[in-house]
Amino acid sequence: MLDDVNRRILALLSEDPRQSVAQLARAVGMSAPAVRERVARLEETGVIRGYRLDVDPAALGLPVTAWVRVRPGPGQLPKIVELASRLPEISECHRISGEDCFLLKVHVAAIDALEGVLDRFLLHGQTTSSFVVATPVPPRTPGLDT
């Protein structure tokens, strides 16, 4: 399924998901119908799960980003998930291994605004926070040479 051409298509789409099939076809040296078929197959098999808009939270007035680990109290796991899904400041929620059970990515307007978010989770367990100072390696698709 993931031959060199498909990997190249995925790398190109990772760089710019808005590329036309014609642009992709030129870049990989194939016809547009052949590339369209490959992209459709990658979508149908779930290799391509979707196309997403990448918006800078700072441009929305949320320049402070923090990672928050949450260690729920007994019976609180579902409540953490429900709360994280409701709060607009949470952009990611991962179930993780180790002493903590969740890793949340939080965006707020100012450092002191994080307190209100943390207080909501403290009702259900303990939190540990780390502020993002810089992102030297931005999010990328793993396993592709881009």
C-alpha atoms as a PDB file:
ATOM      1  CA  MET A   1       0.000   0.000   0.000  1.00  0.00           C
ATOM      2  CA  LEU A   2       2.704   2.494   0.947  1.00  0.00           C
ATOM      3  CA  ASP A   3       5.105   2.305  -1.946  1.00  0.00           C
ATOM      4  CA  ASP A   4       7.509   5.134  -2.742  1.00  0.00           C
ATOM      5  CA  VAL A   5       4.936   7.018  -4.829  1.00  0.00           C
ATOM      6  CA  ASN A   6       2.302   6.906  -2.082  1.00  0.00           C
ATOM      7  CA  ARG A   7       4.869   8.059   0.473  1.00  0.00           C
ATOM      8  CA  ARG A   8       5.799  10.957  -1.817  1.00  0.00           C
ATOM      9  CA  ILE A   9       2.125  11.869  -2.244  1.00  0.00           C
ATOM     10  CA  LEU A  10       1.664  11.808   1.539  1.00  0.00           C
ATOM     11  CA  ALA A  11       4.772  13.960   2.046  1.00  0.00           C
ATOM     12  CA  LEU A  12       3.513  16.492  -0.499  1.00  0.00           C
ATOM     13  CA  LEU A  13       0.058  16.594   1.083  1.00  0.00           C
ATOM     14  CA  SER A  14       1.651  17.013   4.524  1.00  0.00           C
ATOM     15  CA  GLU A  15       3.442  20.098   3.243  1.00  0.00           C
ATOM     16  CA  ASP A  16       0.301  21.524   1.610  1.00  0.00           C
ATOM     17  CA  PRO A  17      -3.006  19.607   1.816  1.00  0.00           C
ATOM     18  CA  ARG A  18      -4.613  22.095  -0.583  1.00  0.00           C
ATOM     19  CA  GLN A  19      -2.506  20.972  -3.547  1.00  0.00           C
ATOM     20  CA  SER A  20      -4.519  20.004  -6.586  1.00  0.00           C
ATOM     21  CA  VAL A  21      -4.356  16.506  -8.014  1.00  0.00           C
ATOM     22  CA  ALA A  22      -2.701  18.037 -11.093  1.00  0.00           C
ATOM     23  CA  GLN A  23       0.074  19.536  -8.924  1.00  0.00           C
ATOM     24  CA  LEU A  24       0.585  16.218  -7.134  1.00  0.00           C
ATOM     25  CA  ALA A  25       0.656  14.361 -10.449  1.00  0.00           C
ATOM     26  CA  ARG A  26       3.343  16.659 -11.845  1.00  0.00           C
ATOM     27  CA  ALA A  27       5.422  16.297  -8.674  1.00  0.00           C
ATOM     28  CA  VAL A  28       5.354  12.490  -8.725  1.00  0.00           C
ATOM     29  CA  GLY A  29       5.499  12.110 -12.510  1.00  0.00           C
ATOM     30  CA  MET A  30       2.159  10.368 -12.971  1.00  0.00           C
ATOM     31  CA  SER A  31      -1.151  11.164 -14.631  1.00  0.00           C
ATOM     32  CA  ALA A  32      -3.787  13.055 -12.654  1.00  0.00           C
ATOM     33  CA  PRO A  33      -6.312  10.160 -12.799  1.00  0.00           C
ATOM     34  CA  ALA A  34      -3.691   7.742 -11.429  1.00  0.00           C
ATOM     35  CA  VAL A  35      -2.846  10.110  -8.557  1.00  0.00           C
ATOM     36  CA  ARG A  36      -6.546  10.777  -7.864  1.00  0.00           C
ATOM     37  CA  GLU A  37      -7.067   7.007  -7.581  1.00  0.00           C
ATOM     38  CA  ARG A  38      -4.108   6.645  -5.233  1.00  0.00           C
ATOM     39  CA  VAL A  39      -5.307   9.483  -2.995  1.00  0.00           C
ATOM     40  CA  ALA A  40      -8.827   8.007  -2.946  1.00  0.00           C
ATOM     41  CA  ARG A  41      -7.395   4.608  -1.963  1.00  0.00           C
ATOM     42  CA  LEU A  42      -5.312   6.217   0.799  1.00  0.00           C
ATOM     43  CA  GLU A  43      -8.474   7.910   2.106  1.00  0.00           C
ATOM     44  CA  GLU A  44     -10.629   4.767   1.860  1.00  0.00           C
ATOM     45  CA  THR A  45      -8.102   2.633   3.733  1.00  0.00           C
ATOM     46  CA  GLY A  46      -7.753   5.228   6.503  1.00  0.00           C
ATOM     47  CA  VAL A  47      -4.128   6.148   5.814  1.00  0.00           C
ATOM     48  CA  ILE A  48      -5.357   9.689   5.152  1.00  0.00           C
ATOM     49  CA  ARG A  49      -7.775  10.382   7.990  1.00  0.00           C
ATOM     50  CA  GLY A  50      -8.667  13.911   6.949  1.00  0.00           C
ATOM     51  CA  TYR A  51      -7.462  17.345   6.004  1.00  0.00           C
ATOM     52  CA  ARG A  52      -7.122  19.901   8.767  1.00  0.00           C
ATOM     53  CA  LEU A  53      -6.868  23.620   9.097  1.00  0.00           C
ATOM     54  CA  ASP A  54      -3.832  24.777  11.090  1.00  0.00           C
ATOM     55  CA  VAL A  55      -4.716  27.961  12.964  1.00  0.00           C
ATOM     56  CA  ASP A  56      -2.233  29.792  15.186  1.00  0.00           C
ATOM     57  CA  PRO A  57      -3.848  29.997  18.668  1.00  0.00           C
ATOM     58  CA  ALA A  58      -1.946  33.251  19.302  1.00  0.00           C
ATOM     59  CA  ALA A  59      -3.823  34.844  16.383  1.00  0.00           C
ATOM     60  CA  LEU A  60      -7.035  33.975  18.253  1.00  0.00           C
ATOM     61  CA  GLY A  61      -5.821  35.726  21.400  1.00  0.00           C
ATOM     62  CA  LEU A  62      -4.420  32.574  23.040  1.00  0.00           C
ATOM     63  CA  PRO A  63      -0.621  33.030  22.938  1.00  0.00           C
ATOM     64  CA  VAL A  64       0.189  30.860  25.974  1.00  0.00           C
ATOM     65  CA  THR A  65       0.381  27.099  25.477  1.00  0.00           C
ATOM     66  CA  ALA A  66       0.876  24.553  28.240  1.00  0.00           C
ATOM     67  CA  TRP A  67       0.975  20.790  28.518  1.00  0.00           C
ATOM     68  CA  VAL A  68      -0.942  19.551  31.553  1.00  0.00           C
ATOM     69  CA  ARG A  69      -0.654  16.052  32.961  1.00  0.00           C
ATOM     70  CA  VAL A  70      -3.666  14.876  34.937  1.00  0.00           C
ATOM     71  CA  ARG A  71      -3.703  12.090  37.503  1.00  0.00           C
ATOM     72  CA  PRO A  72      -7.396  11.387  38.143  1.00  0.00           C
ATOM     73  CA  GLY A  73      -8.735  10.335  41.506  1.00  0.00           C
ATOM     74  CA  PRO A  74     -10.535   6.986  41.822  1.00  0.00           C
ATOM     75  CA  GLY A  75     -13.471   6.736  39.434  1.00  0.00           C
ATOM     76  CA  GLN A  76     -12.702  10.090  37.805  1.00  0.00           C
ATOM     77  CA  LEU A  77     -11.381   8.953  34.394  1.00  0.00           C
ATOM     78  CA  PRO A  78     -14.640   9.527  32.491  1.00  0.00           C
ATOM     79  CA  LYS A  79     -15.101  12.926  34.137  1.00  0.00           C
ATOM     80  CA  ILE A  80     -11.657  14.066  32.927  1.00  0.00           C
ATOM     81  CA  VAL A  81     -12.517  13.070  29.357  1.00  0.00           C
ATOM     82  CA  GLU A  82     -15.913  14.784  29.514  1.00  0.00           C
ATOM     83  CA  LEU A  83     -14.437  17.985  30.960  1.00  0.00           C
ATOM     84  CA  ALA A  84     -11.571  18.090  28.453  1.00  0.00           C
ATOM     85  CA  SER A  85     -14.004  17.690  25.557  1.00  0.00           C
ATOM     86  CA  ARG A  86     -16.135  20.612  26.833  1.00  0.00           C
ATOM     87  CA  LEU A  87     -13.397  23.172  27.507  1.00  0.00           C
ATOM     88  CA  PRO A  88     -12.500  25.268  24.440  1.00  0.00           C
ATOM     89  CA  GLU A  89      -8.991  25.890  25.832  1.00  0.00           C
ATOM     90  CA  ILE A  90      -8.128  22.198  25.388  1.00  0.00           C
ATOM     91  CA  SER A  91      -6.918  21.369  21.865  1.00  0.00           C
ATOM     92  CA  GLU A  92      -5.649  17.853  22.585  1.00  0.00           C
ATOM     93  CA  CYS A  93      -6.358  15.162  25.180  1.00  0.00           C
ATOM     94  CA  HIS A  94      -4.302  11.978  25.194  1.00  0.00           C
ATOM     95  CA  ARG A  95      -4.667   8.928  27.436  1.00  0.00           C
ATOM     96  CA  ILE A  96      -1.108   8.076  28.483  1.00  0.00           C
ATOM     97  CA  SER A  97       0.775   5.437  30.436  1.00  0.00           C
ATOM     98  CA  GLY A  98       2.706   6.084  33.617  1.00  0.00           C
ATOM     99  CA  GLU A  99       1.676   7.712  36.875  1.00  0.00           C
ATOM    100  CA  ASP A 100      -0.531  10.247  35.116  1.00  0.00           C
ATOM    101  CA  CYS A 101      -3.421   9.144  32.920  1.00  0.00           C
ATOM    102  CA  PHE A 102      -3.947  12.147  30.646  1.00  0.00           C
ATOM    103  CA  LEU A 103      -1.881  14.690  28.764  1.00  0.00           C
ATOM    104  CA  LEU A 104      -3.713  17.852  27.728  1.00  0.00           C
ATOM    105  CA  LYS A 105      -2.616  20.650  25.432  1.00  0.00           C
ATOM    106  CA  VAL A 106      -4.047  23.912  26.746  1.00  0.00           C
ATOM    107  CA  HIS A 107      -4.160  27.363  25.117  1.00  0.00           C
ATOM    108  CA  VAL A 108      -4.913  30.459  27.202  1.00  0.00           C
ATOM    109  CA  ALA A 109      -4.691  34.233  26.857  1.00  0.00           C
ATOM    110  CA  ALA A 110      -2.247  34.694  29.750  1.00  0.00           C
ATOM    111  CA  ILE A 111      -0.341  32.599  32.260  1.00  0.00           C
ATOM    112  CA  ASP A 112      -2.730  33.469  35.075  1.00  0.00           C
ATOM    113  CA  ALA A 113      -5.656  32.256  32.929  1.00  0.00           C
ATOM    114  CA  LEU A 114      -4.313  28.712  33.237  1.00  0.00           C
ATOM    115  CA  GLU A 115      -5.337  28.706  36.892  1.00  0.00           C
ATOM    116  CA  GLY A 116      -9.039  28.631  36.008  1.00  0.00           C
ATOM    117  CA  VAL A 117      -8.547  25.691  33.665  1.00  0.00           C
ATOM    118  CA  LEU A 118      -6.477  23.781  36.220  1.00  0.00           C
ATOM    119  CA  ASP A 119      -9.038  24.430  38.965  1.00  0.00           C
ATOM    120  CA  ARG A 120     -11.687  22.668  36.861  1.00  0.00           C
ATOM    121  CA  PHE A 121      -9.505  19.538  36.666  1.00  0.00           C
ATOM    122  CA  LEU A 122      -8.435  19.670  40.315  1.00  0.00           C
ATOM    123  CA  LEU A 123     -11.983  18.669  41.232  1.00  0.00           C
ATOM    124  CA  HIS A 124     -11.185  15.267  39.686  1.00  0.00           C
ATOM    125  CA  GLY A 125      -7.481  14.727  40.392  1.00  0.00           C
ATOM    126  CA  GLN A 126      -3.982  16.220  40.448  1.00  0.00           C
ATOM    127  CA  THR A 127      -2.393  18.296  37.694  1.00  0.00           C
ATOM    128  CA  THR A 128       1.175  19.085  36.650  1.00  0.00           C
ATOM    129  CA  SER A 129       1.791  21.868  34.122  1.00  0.00           C
ATOM    130  CA  SER A 130       4.601  22.815  31.768  1.00  0.00           C
ATOM    131  CA  PHE A 131       4.514  25.953  29.627  1.00  0.00           C
ATOM    132  CA  VAL A 132       5.649  25.759  26.020  1.00  0.00           C
ATOM    133  CA  VAL A 133       8.572  28.142  25.562  1.00  0.00           C
ATOM    134  CA  ALA A 134       9.295  27.342  21.901  1.00  0.00           C
ATOM    135  CA  THR A 135       8.440  24.746  19.266  1.00  0.00           C
ATOM    136  CA  PRO A 136      11.705  24.004  17.442  1.00  0.00           C
ATOM    137  CA  VAL A 137      10.143  21.004  15.638  1.00  0.00           C
ATOM    138  CA  PRO A 138       6.560  21.778  14.593  1.00  0.00           C
ATOM    139  CA  PRO A 139       3.959  18.997  14.328  1.00  0.00           C
ATOM    140  CA  ARG A 140       4.618  16.761  11.352  1.00  0.00           C
ATOM    141  CA  THR A 141       3.525  13.468   9.883  1.00  0.00           C
ATOM    142  CA  PRO A 142       5.682  10.658  11.285  1.00  0.00           C
ATOM    143  CA  GLY A 143       7.479   8.301   8.944  1.00  0.00           C
ATOM    144  CA  LEU A 144       7.644  10.647   5.960  1.00  0.00           C
ATOM    145  CA  ASP A 145      10.667  12.427   4.577  1.00  0.00           C
ATOM    146  CA  THR A 146       9.445  15.992   4.225  1.00  0.00           C
END
